[in-house]
Structures are given as structure tokens and as C-alpha cells.
Amino acid sequence: METLNIEILPRARADAEFIRAFKAARAGKKTTPKEGVYFISLEAVRALLSAKRMALLHSIREHQPKSINALTKIAGRDFKNVYADVMLLKRYGLVQMSATAGKLGREISVPYRAIHIHSLV
């Protein structure tokens, strides 16, 4: 996938979509998850995509670090904070880590060329 879509949904719509998917799953119906990341406020998106995390994403794309330790040196930041940021970005699908560890650790990559933020509020 070339572009990650982040959508900001009104709370009522997000709740309605969750309830619909929950009921379908409970009834045994097959559901297809939507691609992307969803939030209910711009503030939540801003919290995820802070300036330091955006700088990490840029550093990962530019330098292709072979480990979090290498990324900390590139970023000039503390290992604990970089590790926490990378794990958060990984949870939201903004970064990927290799399945197996090499000599230096697990390679980190950004699977997207662009991030689009759409507000449906």
C-alpha cells in the first residue's frame, strides 16, 4: 500500500460502525475490515503524529536503520523514548519491524509513501 488513510469520524458514526460490525460478527457473518486508521478527533491524530514521531518516520524512511538502537543514534534521542514511539507507531501500522532479528536487531521500515488525513466530521 502506498498511502495510509487516517480518517476522523464523528463519534456517533464511529459508534454506529462499531455496533454494526459487532452485531455482524456475533451473528457469524463474515465482515471485511476497512483499511486505514480511525480517530474521533483531530487532537487524537495530532497526539499520534507528534513532531518527534514524524521526525522518526522521516529518519526511518531516509536512513533505513537496522535496529531501534541505530535509530536512537540517528535521531539523537533517548532509547527508552524512541522505543516507546516506535512501538506506538507499529501498533497503528505506521512502521513495520522485520520478523527475525539480525546481528543488530530488527530492521524498521515505513510501509507508506504518504499519509492522508480525512475529516468526515
Protein backbone atom coordinates (compact mmCIF):
# COMPACT_ATOMS: atom_id res chain seq x y z
CA MET A 1 0.00 0.00 0.00
CA GLU A 2 1.39 3.35 -0.98
CA THR A 3 -0.84 5.61 1.12
CA LEU A 4 -2.10 5.28 4.68
CA ASN A 5 -5.53 6.80 5.16
CA ILE A 6 -6.32 8.30 8.53
CA GLU A 7 -9.95 9.27 8.96
CA ILE A 8 -11.55 11.43 11.62
CA LEU A 9 -15.12 10.24 12.15
CA PRO A 10 -17.84 11.85 14.20
CA ARG A 11 -18.26 9.92 17.46
CA ALA A 12 -21.83 8.86 16.61
CA ARG A 13 -20.74 7.43 13.24
CA ALA A 14 -17.77 5.60 14.77
CA ASP A 15 -20.04 4.09 17.43
CA ALA A 16 -22.63 3.07 14.82
CA GLU A 17 -20.00 1.37 12.64
CA PHE A 18 -18.59 -0.49 15.64
CA ILE A 19 -22.05 -1.68 16.71
CA ARG A 20 -22.87 -2.81 13.17
CA ALA A 21 -19.61 -4.78 12.87
CA PHE A 22 -20.04 -6.26 16.37
CA LYS A 23 -23.57 -7.45 15.61
CA ALA A 24 -22.48 -8.96 12.28
CA ALA A 25 -19.59 -10.81 13.94
CA ARG A 26 -21.84 -12.05 16.75
CA ALA A 27 -24.31 -13.35 14.13
CA GLY A 28 -21.47 -15.24 12.45
CA LYS A 29 -21.44 -13.07 9.35
CA LYS A 30 -18.14 -12.51 7.61
CA THR A 31 -17.04 -8.88 7.78
CA THR A 32 -14.30 -7.15 5.85
CA PRO A 33 -12.28 -4.72 7.94
CA LYS A 34 -11.74 -1.26 6.47
CA GLU A 35 -8.18 -0.33 5.61
CA GLY A 36 -6.81 2.65 7.48
CA VAL A 37 -6.67 4.20 10.91
CA TYR A 38 -9.64 5.93 12.51
CA PHE A 39 -9.95 8.61 15.19
CA ILE A 40 -12.79 10.70 16.57
CA SER A 41 -10.85 13.96 16.92
CA LEU A 42 -8.09 15.93 15.28
CA GLU A 43 -6.41 16.20 18.68
CA ALA A 44 -6.03 12.41 18.81
CA VAL A 45 -4.39 12.42 15.36
CA ARG A 46 -2.06 15.22 16.44
CA ALA A 47 -1.11 13.24 19.56
CA LEU A 48 -0.15 10.23 17.45
CA LEU A 49 1.65 12.24 14.77
CA SER A 50 3.65 14.49 17.06
CA ALA A 51 6.64 16.36 15.67
CA LYS A 52 9.08 13.86 17.23
CA ARG A 53 7.22 10.85 15.83
CA MET A 54 7.01 12.45 12.38
CA ALA A 55 10.78 13.05 12.58
CA LEU A 56 11.26 9.36 13.44
CA LEU A 57 9.16 8.32 10.43
CA HIS A 58 11.27 10.56 8.22
CA SER A 59 14.53 9.18 9.69
CA ILE A 60 13.35 5.60 9.20
CA ARG A 61 12.50 6.22 5.52
CA GLU A 62 15.68 8.16 4.88
CA HIS A 63 18.24 6.05 6.78
CA GLN A 64 16.60 2.58 6.95
CA PRO A 65 18.01 1.77 10.41
CA LYS A 66 18.78 -1.86 11.20
CA SER A 67 17.60 -1.53 14.80
CA ILE A 68 15.95 0.77 17.29
CA ASN A 69 19.36 1.40 18.79
CA ALA A 70 20.60 2.64 15.39
CA LEU A 71 17.50 4.83 15.11
CA THR A 72 18.19 6.40 18.51
CA LYS A 73 21.64 7.42 17.33
CA ILE A 74 20.25 8.88 14.11
CA ALA A 75 17.51 10.75 16.00
CA GLY A 76 19.77 11.85 18.86
CA ARG A 77 17.14 10.76 21.39
CA ASP A 78 16.97 8.50 24.43
CA PHE A 79 16.49 4.76 23.66
CA LYS A 80 13.51 4.38 26.01
CA ASN A 81 11.57 7.21 24.36
CA VAL A 82 12.40 6.13 20.81
CA TYR A 83 11.43 2.54 21.64
CA ALA A 84 8.08 3.69 23.06
CA ASP A 85 7.41 5.86 20.00
CA VAL A 86 8.33 3.08 17.56
CA MET A 87 6.08 0.58 19.38
CA LEU A 88 3.19 3.06 19.24
CA LEU A 89 3.76 3.75 15.55
CA LYS A 90 3.95 0.00 14.96
CA ARG A 91 0.63 -0.56 16.76
CA TYR A 92 -1.03 1.89 14.35
CA GLY A 93 0.67 0.34 11.32
CA LEU A 94 2.87 3.34 10.58
CA VAL A 95 6.07 1.30 10.89
CA GLN A 96 6.93 -2.35 10.43
CA MET A 97 9.68 -4.40 12.01
CA SER A 98 11.33 -7.43 10.46
CA ALA A 99 10.09 -10.74 11.85
CA THR A 100 13.57 -12.05 12.64
CA ALA A 101 16.38 -10.26 14.36
CA GLY A 102 19.65 -9.73 12.54
CA LYS A 103 23.02 -9.05 14.11
CA LEU A 104 21.95 -5.57 15.24
CA GLY A 105 18.25 -6.15 15.93
CA ARG A 106 15.02 -5.97 13.99
CA GLU A 107 15.05 -3.78 10.90
CA ILE A 108 12.47 -0.96 10.93
CA SER A 109 10.65 0.33 7.86
CA VAL A 110 7.82 2.67 6.89
CA PRO A 111 5.41 0.85 4.55
CA TYR A 112 3.80 4.05 3.19
CA ARG A 113 4.94 6.79 0.89
CA ALA A 114 2.21 9.18 2.07
CA ILE A 115 -0.26 9.70 4.90
CA HIS A 116 -3.62 11.25 4.03
CA ILE A 117 -5.81 12.63 6.81
CA HIS A 118 -9.51 12.93 6.01
CA SER A 119 -12.02 14.59 8.28
CA LEU A 120 -15.58 13.34 7.97
CA VAL A 121 -16.83 15.49 10.84
